[in-house]
Amino acid sequence: MNTNPRLYTLNFNEAKTYLWAGAFVLCNLVLPQVFHLIPQGGIIFAPLSLVILAGAYKLGWRVGLIAAVASPLVNHYLTGLPAWGVLQVMTLKLVILALAAGLTAQYFKKVTLPLIIGVVLAAEILGGLGELALTGGITATLQDFTVGYPGLLLQIIGTYIVCKYI
């Protein structure tokens, strides 16, 4: 019996790519609304990142990339969040996360906690450097680790469960 989870690499010429990306964008409209019921919930849990990470790891970097670019834009235009000043940084960080997750899954073809931890840490470091370059301030960059660590843990555990068992 094969116990390895199925990981996919969908291409840009497949309708499934856009259907899944659309489903993730829809999830990213609903999930942040739930987390924003908690004070500072968006900052603490980074709900967009959870969906992008799990989606890109399970279905490939192309699906993740489309959802990473579209989710913050659709959210901003429909809900006003993320704020315009944060939109550029958030999109950059989600794109880095999607590429890191999708390419890692494609290369290693397995789901392990160390791989997912590596993806999250690499994306946080690269995204933090990008944020630092765009904003010039280190406070928001460090906030991902000081305030947002529950979200990082949720991303790691949630992605592992989704990719391994769903």
N, C-alpha and C. Protein backbone atom coordinates (compact mmCIF):
# COMPACT_ATOMS: atom_id res chain seq x y z
N MET A 1 0.84 -1.18 0.00
CA MET A 1 0.00 0.00 0.00
C MET A 1 0.88 1.25 0.00
N ASN A 2 0.62 2.18 -0.88
CA ASN A 2 1.39 3.40 -0.99
C ASN A 2 0.87 4.41 0.03
N THR A 3 1.75 4.85 0.94
CA THR A 3 1.35 5.83 1.95
C THR A 3 1.84 7.23 1.63
N ASN A 4 2.51 7.39 0.49
CA ASN A 4 2.97 8.71 0.10
C ASN A 4 1.79 9.56 -0.36
N PRO A 5 1.73 10.81 0.10
CA PRO A 5 0.63 11.67 -0.34
C PRO A 5 0.83 12.08 -1.80
N ARG A 6 -0.26 12.37 -2.46
CA ARG A 6 -0.18 12.83 -3.85
C ARG A 6 0.09 14.33 -3.87
N LEU A 7 1.13 14.69 -4.58
CA LEU A 7 1.45 16.09 -4.83
C LEU A 7 1.36 16.29 -6.33
N TYR A 8 0.86 17.44 -6.74
CA TYR A 8 0.61 17.69 -8.15
C TYR A 8 1.40 18.90 -8.62
N THR A 9 1.67 18.95 -9.89
CA THR A 9 2.26 20.12 -10.52
C THR A 9 1.40 20.47 -11.72
N LEU A 10 0.44 21.32 -11.50
CA LEU A 10 -0.46 21.72 -12.58
C LEU A 10 0.21 22.79 -13.44
N ASN A 11 -0.13 22.81 -14.72
CA ASN A 11 0.46 23.74 -15.67
C ASN A 11 -0.50 24.88 -16.00
N PHE A 12 0.04 25.93 -16.59
CA PHE A 12 -0.78 27.09 -16.95
C PHE A 12 -1.81 26.78 -18.02
N ASN A 13 -1.62 25.72 -18.80
CA ASN A 13 -2.57 25.40 -19.87
C ASN A 13 -3.67 24.45 -19.41
N GLU A 14 -3.78 24.18 -18.13
CA GLU A 14 -4.82 23.30 -17.60
C GLU A 14 -5.90 24.13 -16.90
N ALA A 15 -7.15 23.83 -17.19
CA ALA A 15 -8.26 24.53 -16.55
C ALA A 15 -8.24 24.32 -15.04
N LYS A 16 -7.80 23.14 -14.59
CA LYS A 16 -7.74 22.85 -13.16
C LYS A 16 -6.87 23.86 -12.42
N THR A 17 -5.84 24.35 -13.06
CA THR A 17 -4.95 25.32 -12.43
C THR A 17 -5.74 26.55 -12.01
N TYR A 18 -6.57 27.05 -12.91
CA TYR A 18 -7.32 28.28 -12.65
C TYR A 18 -8.51 28.02 -11.72
N LEU A 19 -9.09 26.84 -11.82
CA LEU A 19 -10.18 26.49 -10.90
C LEU A 19 -9.67 26.41 -9.47
N TRP A 20 -8.54 25.74 -9.27
CA TRP A 20 -7.97 25.64 -7.93
C TRP A 20 -7.51 27.00 -7.43
N ALA A 21 -6.85 27.77 -8.29
CA ALA A 21 -6.42 29.10 -7.87
C ALA A 21 -7.63 29.95 -7.47
N GLY A 22 -8.71 29.86 -8.23
CA GLY A 22 -9.94 30.57 -7.89
C GLY A 22 -10.52 30.11 -6.56
N ALA A 23 -10.45 28.81 -6.30
CA ALA A 23 -10.94 28.28 -5.02
C ALA A 23 -10.09 28.83 -3.87
N PHE A 24 -8.78 28.94 -4.07
CA PHE A 24 -7.91 29.47 -3.01
C PHE A 24 -8.17 30.96 -2.79
N VAL A 25 -8.41 31.69 -3.86
CA VAL A 25 -8.75 33.11 -3.71
C VAL A 25 -10.05 33.24 -2.93
N LEU A 26 -11.03 32.41 -3.22
CA LEU A 26 -12.29 32.42 -2.48
C LEU A 26 -12.06 32.09 -1.00
N CYS A 27 -11.25 31.07 -0.73
CA CYS A 27 -10.89 30.75 0.66
C CYS A 27 -10.22 31.93 1.32
N ASN A 28 -9.40 32.63 0.56
CA ASN A 28 -8.68 33.78 1.11
C ASN A 28 -9.57 35.01 1.25
N LEU A 29 -10.78 34.95 0.76
CA LEU A 29 -11.76 36.00 1.06
C LEU A 29 -12.47 35.70 2.38
N VAL A 30 -12.75 34.44 2.62
CA VAL A 30 -13.52 34.03 3.80
C VAL A 30 -12.65 33.91 5.04
N LEU A 31 -11.55 33.19 4.92
CA LEU A 31 -10.70 32.89 6.08
C LEU A 31 -10.21 34.14 6.82
N PRO A 32 -9.72 35.16 6.13
CA PRO A 32 -9.29 36.36 6.86
C PRO A 32 -10.42 37.02 7.64
N GLN A 33 -11.65 36.95 7.13
CA GLN A 33 -12.78 37.55 7.85
C GLN A 33 -12.96 36.86 9.19
N VAL A 34 -12.77 35.55 9.22
CA VAL A 34 -12.89 34.80 10.48
C VAL A 34 -11.76 35.19 11.43
N PHE A 35 -10.53 35.24 10.93
CA PHE A 35 -9.40 35.56 11.79
C PHE A 35 -9.41 37.02 12.25
N HIS A 36 -10.03 37.91 11.48
CA HIS A 36 -10.10 39.31 11.89
C HIS A 36 -11.12 39.53 13.00
N LEU A 37 -11.88 38.51 13.36
CA LEU A 37 -12.74 38.60 14.53
C LEU A 37 -11.92 38.57 15.82
N ILE A 38 -10.72 38.04 15.74
CA ILE A 38 -9.78 38.01 16.86
C ILE A 38 -8.97 39.30 16.80
N PRO A 39 -8.81 40.01 17.93
CA PRO A 39 -7.99 41.22 17.91
C PRO A 39 -6.58 40.90 17.39
N GLN A 40 -6.14 41.67 16.41
CA GLN A 40 -4.85 41.48 15.75
C GLN A 40 -4.73 40.12 15.06
N GLY A 41 -5.87 39.46 14.79
CA GLY A 41 -5.87 38.12 14.21
C GLY A 41 -5.19 38.02 12.87
N GLY A 42 -5.33 39.04 12.04
CA GLY A 42 -4.68 39.01 10.73
C GLY A 42 -3.17 39.04 10.84
N ILE A 43 -2.67 39.84 11.79
CA ILE A 43 -1.22 39.95 11.98
C ILE A 43 -0.67 38.69 12.65
N ILE A 44 -1.41 38.17 13.62
CA ILE A 44 -0.94 37.01 14.37
C ILE A 44 -0.96 35.75 13.51
N PHE A 45 -2.04 35.53 12.76
CA PHE A 45 -2.23 34.25 12.09
C PHE A 45 -1.94 34.25 10.58
N ALA A 46 -1.83 35.40 9.95
CA ALA A 46 -1.53 35.50 8.51
C ALA A 46 -2.32 34.47 7.70
N PRO A 47 -3.66 34.56 7.71
CA PRO A 47 -4.47 33.51 7.08
C PRO A 47 -4.25 33.35 5.58
N LEU A 48 -3.88 34.41 4.88
CA LEU A 48 -3.62 34.27 3.44
C LEU A 48 -2.44 33.33 3.20
N SER A 49 -1.46 33.40 4.06
CA SER A 49 -0.26 32.57 3.89
C SER A 49 -0.57 31.09 4.04
N LEU A 50 -1.46 30.74 4.96
CA LEU A 50 -1.80 29.33 5.18
C LEU A 50 -2.37 28.72 3.90
N VAL A 51 -3.30 29.39 3.27
CA VAL A 51 -3.95 28.87 2.07
C VAL A 51 -2.95 28.79 0.91
N ILE A 52 -2.14 29.83 0.75
CA ILE A 52 -1.16 29.86 -0.34
C ILE A 52 -0.12 28.75 -0.14
N LEU A 53 0.37 28.59 1.06
CA LEU A 53 1.38 27.57 1.35
C LEU A 53 0.85 26.17 1.07
N ALA A 54 -0.31 25.86 1.62
CA ALA A 54 -0.88 24.52 1.43
C ALA A 54 -1.23 24.28 -0.04
N GLY A 55 -1.80 25.27 -0.69
CA GLY A 55 -2.18 25.12 -2.09
C GLY A 55 -0.99 24.94 -3.01
N ALA A 56 0.04 25.74 -2.80
CA ALA A 56 1.23 25.65 -3.66
C ALA A 56 1.98 24.35 -3.41
N TYR A 57 2.04 23.91 -2.17
CA TYR A 57 2.75 22.67 -1.88
C TYR A 57 2.01 21.48 -2.47
N LYS A 58 0.69 21.47 -2.37
CA LYS A 58 -0.11 20.34 -2.84
C LYS A 58 -0.30 20.34 -4.36
N LEU A 59 -0.52 21.52 -4.97
CA LEU A 59 -0.91 21.59 -6.38
C LEU A 59 0.12 22.25 -7.29
N GLY A 60 1.20 22.75 -6.74
CA GLY A 60 2.27 23.29 -7.57
C GLY A 60 2.40 24.81 -7.50
N TRP A 61 3.56 25.26 -7.93
CA TRP A 61 3.89 26.67 -7.80
C TRP A 61 3.03 27.56 -8.69
N ARG A 62 2.54 27.04 -9.80
CA ARG A 62 1.73 27.86 -10.71
C ARG A 62 0.38 28.23 -10.07
N VAL A 63 -0.26 27.24 -9.47
CA VAL A 63 -1.51 27.50 -8.76
C VAL A 63 -1.25 28.48 -7.62
N GLY A 64 -0.18 28.22 -6.86
CA GLY A 64 0.17 29.10 -5.75
C GLY A 64 0.47 30.51 -6.20
N LEU A 65 1.19 30.65 -7.32
CA LEU A 65 1.55 31.97 -7.83
C LEU A 65 0.32 32.77 -8.23
N ILE A 66 -0.59 32.14 -8.94
CA ILE A 66 -1.82 32.84 -9.34
C ILE A 66 -2.60 33.29 -8.11
N ALA A 67 -2.77 32.38 -7.17
CA ALA A 67 -3.51 32.71 -5.95
C ALA A 67 -2.78 33.76 -5.11
N ALA A 68 -1.44 33.71 -5.09
CA ALA A 68 -0.66 34.66 -4.32
C ALA A 68 -0.78 36.08 -4.85
N VAL A 69 -0.88 36.22 -6.15
CA VAL A 69 -1.03 37.55 -6.75
C VAL A 69 -2.49 38.02 -6.65
N ALA A 70 -3.42 37.11 -6.91
CA ALA A 70 -4.84 37.51 -6.96
C ALA A 70 -5.46 37.72 -5.58
N SER A 71 -5.09 36.90 -4.61
CA SER A 71 -5.76 36.97 -3.29
C SER A 71 -5.68 38.34 -2.62
N PRO A 72 -4.48 38.93 -2.48
CA PRO A 72 -4.45 40.24 -1.83
C PRO A 72 -5.17 41.32 -2.63
N LEU A 73 -5.08 41.23 -3.96
CA LEU A 73 -5.77 42.23 -4.80
C LEU A 73 -7.28 42.13 -4.66
N VAL A 74 -7.81 40.93 -4.78
CA VAL A 74 -9.26 40.72 -4.66
C VAL A 74 -9.73 41.13 -3.27
N ASN A 75 -8.98 40.72 -2.25
CA ASN A 75 -9.32 41.10 -0.88
C ASN A 75 -9.34 42.61 -0.71
N HIS A 76 -8.32 43.27 -1.24
CA HIS A 76 -8.24 44.72 -1.09
C HIS A 76 -9.43 45.41 -1.76
N TYR A 77 -9.76 45.00 -2.96
CA TYR A 77 -10.83 45.67 -3.68
C TYR A 77 -12.22 45.33 -3.15
N LEU A 78 -12.38 44.17 -2.53
CA LEU A 78 -13.70 43.81 -1.98
C LEU A 78 -13.87 44.16 -0.51
N THR A 79 -12.78 44.13 0.26
CA THR A 79 -12.92 44.35 1.71
C THR A 79 -12.10 45.53 2.23
N GLY A 80 -11.19 46.04 1.42
CA GLY A 80 -10.33 47.12 1.89
C GLY A 80 -9.09 46.62 2.62
N LEU A 81 -8.99 45.32 2.81
CA LEU A 81 -7.83 44.74 3.49
C LEU A 81 -7.13 43.77 2.55
N PRO A 82 -5.87 43.74 2.48
CA PRO A 82 -4.93 44.56 3.22
C PRO A 82 -4.95 46.00 2.73
N ALA A 83 -4.53 46.89 3.60
CA ALA A 83 -4.48 48.31 3.25
C ALA A 83 -3.54 48.51 2.06
N TRP A 84 -3.79 49.55 1.31
CA TRP A 84 -3.03 49.80 0.09
C TRP A 84 -1.52 49.84 0.37
N GLY A 85 -1.10 50.42 1.46
CA GLY A 85 0.32 50.53 1.79
C GLY A 85 0.98 49.19 2.08
N VAL A 86 0.19 48.19 2.44
CA VAL A 86 0.71 46.88 2.79
C VAL A 86 0.61 45.91 1.61
N LEU A 87 -0.20 46.25 0.64
CA LEU A 87 -0.52 45.35 -0.47
C LEU A 87 0.72 44.88 -1.22
N GLN A 88 1.62 45.77 -1.53
CA GLN A 88 2.81 45.43 -2.30
C GLN A 88 3.70 44.44 -1.53
N VAL A 89 3.90 44.71 -0.25
CA VAL A 89 4.75 43.84 0.57
C VAL A 89 4.09 42.48 0.75
N MET A 90 2.80 42.46 1.02
CA MET A 90 2.09 41.20 1.23
C MET A 90 2.12 40.35 -0.04
N THR A 91 1.91 40.97 -1.18
CA THR A 91 1.94 40.22 -2.43
C THR A 91 3.33 39.63 -2.67
N LEU A 92 4.36 40.41 -2.44
CA LEU A 92 5.73 39.92 -2.60
C LEU A 92 5.98 38.71 -1.69
N LYS A 93 5.58 38.82 -0.44
CA LYS A 93 5.81 37.72 0.50
C LYS A 93 5.02 36.47 0.12
N LEU A 94 3.79 36.65 -0.34
CA LEU A 94 2.99 35.50 -0.76
C LEU A 94 3.56 34.84 -2.03
N VAL A 95 4.06 35.64 -2.95
CA VAL A 95 4.67 35.09 -4.17
C VAL A 95 5.91 34.27 -3.80
N ILE A 96 6.73 34.79 -2.92
CA ILE A 96 7.92 34.05 -2.47
C ILE A 96 7.51 32.75 -1.80
N LEU A 97 6.50 32.80 -0.94
CA LEU A 97 6.01 31.61 -0.25
C LEU A 97 5.48 30.58 -1.24
N ALA A 98 4.70 31.02 -2.22
CA ALA A 98 4.14 30.10 -3.22
C ALA A 98 5.24 29.44 -4.04
N LEU A 99 6.20 30.21 -4.47
CA LEU A 99 7.29 29.65 -5.26
C LEU A 99 8.14 28.68 -4.42
N ALA A 100 8.45 29.06 -3.20
CA ALA A 100 9.24 28.19 -2.33
C ALA A 100 8.51 26.88 -2.05
N ALA A 101 7.23 26.95 -1.76
CA ALA A 101 6.45 25.75 -1.45
C ALA A 101 6.31 24.85 -2.67
N GLY A 102 5.89 25.43 -3.77
CA GLY A 102 5.66 24.64 -4.98
C GLY A 102 6.93 24.00 -5.52
N LEU A 103 8.01 24.75 -5.54
CA LEU A 103 9.26 24.21 -6.07
C LEU A 103 9.87 23.16 -5.13
N THR A 104 9.71 23.36 -3.83
CA THR A 104 10.20 22.36 -2.86
C THR A 104 9.44 21.05 -3.02
N ALA A 105 8.13 21.13 -3.11
CA ALA A 105 7.32 19.92 -3.28
C ALA A 105 7.64 19.23 -4.60
N GLN A 106 7.83 20.01 -5.65
CA GLN A 106 8.15 19.45 -6.97
C GLN A 106 9.52 18.75 -6.95
N TYR A 107 10.47 19.33 -6.25
CA TYR A 107 11.82 18.76 -6.22
C TYR A 107 11.90 17.52 -5.32
N PHE A 108 11.37 17.61 -4.10
CA PHE A 108 11.51 16.51 -3.14
C PHE A 108 10.42 15.45 -3.26
N LYS A 109 9.26 15.84 -3.81
CA LYS A 109 8.14 14.92 -4.03
C LYS A 109 7.69 14.18 -2.77
N LYS A 110 7.77 14.87 -1.63
CA LYS A 110 7.29 14.29 -0.39
C LYS A 110 6.90 15.40 0.58
N VAL A 111 6.14 15.01 1.58
CA VAL A 111 5.67 15.94 2.60
C VAL A 111 6.31 15.54 3.93
N THR A 112 7.14 16.42 4.47
CA THR A 112 7.71 16.20 5.79
C THR A 112 7.67 17.51 6.56
N LEU A 113 7.63 17.41 7.87
CA LEU A 113 7.66 18.63 8.68
C LEU A 113 8.94 19.44 8.46
N PRO A 114 10.13 18.80 8.41
CA PRO A 114 11.33 19.60 8.16
C PRO A 114 11.30 20.37 6.83
N LEU A 115 10.76 19.75 5.79
CA LEU A 115 10.66 20.46 4.51
C LEU A 115 9.73 21.67 4.62
N ILE A 116 8.58 21.47 5.25
CA ILE A 116 7.62 22.58 5.38
C ILE A 116 8.18 23.68 6.28
N ILE A 117 8.86 23.29 7.35
CA ILE A 117 9.50 24.29 8.22
C ILE A 117 10.54 25.06 7.41
N GLY A 118 11.33 24.35 6.61
CA GLY A 118 12.33 25.01 5.77
C GLY A 118 11.71 25.99 4.79
N VAL A 119 10.59 25.59 4.18
CA VAL A 119 9.89 26.48 3.23
C VAL A 119 9.43 27.74 3.95
N VAL A 120 8.80 27.57 5.11
CA VAL A 120 8.27 28.73 5.85
C VAL A 120 9.41 29.65 6.28
N LEU A 121 10.48 29.08 6.82
CA LEU A 121 11.60 29.92 7.27
C LEU A 121 12.29 30.62 6.10
N ALA A 122 12.52 29.89 5.00
CA ALA A 122 13.15 30.51 3.83
C ALA A 122 12.28 31.63 3.27
N ALA A 123 10.98 31.39 3.19
CA ALA A 123 10.07 32.41 2.67
C ALA A 123 10.00 33.61 3.61
N GLU A 124 10.02 33.37 4.91
CA GLU A 124 9.99 34.47 5.87
C GLU A 124 11.26 35.31 5.77
N ILE A 125 12.39 34.65 5.64
CA ILE A 125 13.66 35.39 5.55
C ILE A 125 13.73 36.18 4.24
N LEU A 126 13.45 35.51 3.12
CA LEU A 126 13.49 36.22 1.83
C LEU A 126 12.42 37.30 1.76
N GLY A 127 11.21 36.98 2.23
CA GLY A 127 10.14 37.97 2.25
C GLY A 127 10.46 39.13 3.17
N GLY A 128 11.09 38.83 4.30
CA GLY A 128 11.49 39.88 5.23
C GLY A 128 12.54 40.80 4.63
N LEU A 129 13.48 40.22 3.90
CA LEU A 129 14.48 41.05 3.21
C LEU A 129 13.82 41.92 2.14
N GLY A 130 12.85 41.35 1.43
CA GLY A 130 12.11 42.14 0.45
C GLY A 130 11.31 43.25 1.11
N GLU A 131 10.68 42.93 2.23
CA GLU A 131 9.92 43.94 2.97
C GLU A 131 10.85 45.04 3.47
N LEU A 132 12.00 44.66 3.97
CA LEU A 132 12.98 45.63 4.44
C LEU A 132 13.43 46.54 3.30
N ALA A 133 13.66 45.97 2.12
CA ALA A 133 14.07 46.76 0.96
C ALA A 133 12.96 47.72 0.52
N LEU A 134 11.71 47.26 0.59
CA LEU A 134 10.59 48.10 0.12
C LEU A 134 10.21 49.18 1.13
N THR A 135 10.29 48.86 2.42
CA THR A 135 9.80 49.80 3.44
C THR A 135 10.92 50.52 4.18
N GLY A 136 12.06 49.89 4.27
CA GLY A 136 13.16 50.51 5.00
C GLY A 136 13.05 50.36 6.51
N GLY A 137 11.98 49.76 6.98
CA GLY A 137 11.79 49.57 8.42
C GLY A 137 11.86 48.12 8.81
N ILE A 138 12.51 47.86 9.92
CA ILE A 138 12.70 46.48 10.34
C ILE A 138 11.61 46.01 11.32
N THR A 139 10.84 46.93 11.88
CA THR A 139 9.83 46.57 12.87
C THR A 139 8.80 45.61 12.31
N ALA A 140 8.22 45.92 11.18
CA ALA A 140 7.21 45.05 10.57
C ALA A 140 7.81 43.72 10.16
N THR A 141 9.05 43.73 9.74
CA THR A 141 9.73 42.50 9.34
C THR A 141 9.88 41.57 10.53
N LEU A 142 10.31 42.08 11.66
CA LEU A 142 10.48 41.27 12.87
C LEU A 142 9.16 40.85 13.48
N GLN A 143 8.11 41.60 13.21
CA GLN A 143 6.79 41.31 13.76
C GLN A 143 6.29 39.93 13.34
N ASP A 144 6.66 39.46 12.17
CA ASP A 144 6.27 38.12 11.73
C ASP A 144 6.73 37.05 12.70
N PHE A 145 7.89 37.26 13.33
CA PHE A 145 8.43 36.28 14.26
C PHE A 145 8.00 36.56 15.71
N THR A 146 7.91 37.83 16.08
CA THR A 146 7.58 38.16 17.47
C THR A 146 6.09 38.06 17.77
N VAL A 147 5.26 38.57 16.89
CA VAL A 147 3.81 38.53 17.08
C VAL A 147 3.17 37.41 16.27
N GLY A 148 3.73 37.12 15.10
CA GLY A 148 3.11 36.20 14.17
C GLY A 148 3.53 34.75 14.30
N TYR A 149 4.26 34.40 15.35
CA TYR A 149 4.70 33.00 15.46
C TYR A 149 3.56 32.01 15.56
N PRO A 150 2.39 32.34 16.17
CA PRO A 150 1.29 31.36 16.12
C PRO A 150 0.84 31.07 14.68
N GLY A 151 0.86 32.08 13.84
CA GLY A 151 0.51 31.89 12.44
C GLY A 151 1.52 31.03 11.69
N LEU A 152 2.78 31.21 12.01
CA LEU A 152 3.82 30.38 11.40
C LEU A 152 3.63 28.92 11.79
N LEU A 153 3.33 28.69 13.06
CA LEU A 153 3.07 27.32 13.52
C LEU A 153 1.82 26.75 12.86
N LEU A 154 0.78 27.57 12.73
CA LEU A 154 -0.45 27.14 12.06
C LEU A 154 -0.18 26.80 10.60
N GLN A 155 0.64 27.60 9.93
CA GLN A 155 1.01 27.31 8.53
C GLN A 155 1.70 25.97 8.42
N ILE A 156 2.65 25.72 9.30
CA ILE A 156 3.43 24.48 9.24
C ILE A 156 2.55 23.27 9.51
N ILE A 157 1.82 23.31 10.60
CA ILE A 157 0.99 22.16 10.99
C ILE A 157 -0.18 21.99 10.02
N GLY A 158 -0.83 23.09 9.66
CA GLY A 158 -1.96 23.03 8.73
C GLY A 158 -1.56 22.51 7.37
N THR A 159 -0.45 22.98 6.85
CA THR A 159 0.02 22.51 5.54
C THR A 159 0.40 21.03 5.60
N TYR A 160 1.05 20.63 6.66
CA TYR A 160 1.42 19.21 6.81
C TYR A 160 0.18 18.34 6.80
N ILE A 161 -0.84 18.73 7.55
CA ILE A 161 -2.08 17.92 7.62
C ILE A 161 -2.78 17.91 6.27
N VAL A 162 -2.92 19.07 5.64
CA VAL A 162 -3.61 19.14 4.35
C VAL A 162 -2.87 18.32 3.30
N CYS A 163 -1.58 18.49 3.22
CA CYS A 163 -0.82 17.80 2.16
C CYS A 163 -0.64 16.32 2.43
N LYS A 164 -0.59 15.93 3.67
CA LYS A 164 -0.33 14.53 4.01
C LYS A 164 -1.63 13.70 4.02
N TYR A 165 -2.73 14.30 4.47
CA TYR A 165 -3.93 13.50 4.72
C TYR A 165 -5.15 13.86 3.89
N ILE A 166 -5.11 14.97 3.15
CA ILE A 166 -6.29 15.37 2.37
C ILE A 166 -5.97 15.23 0.90
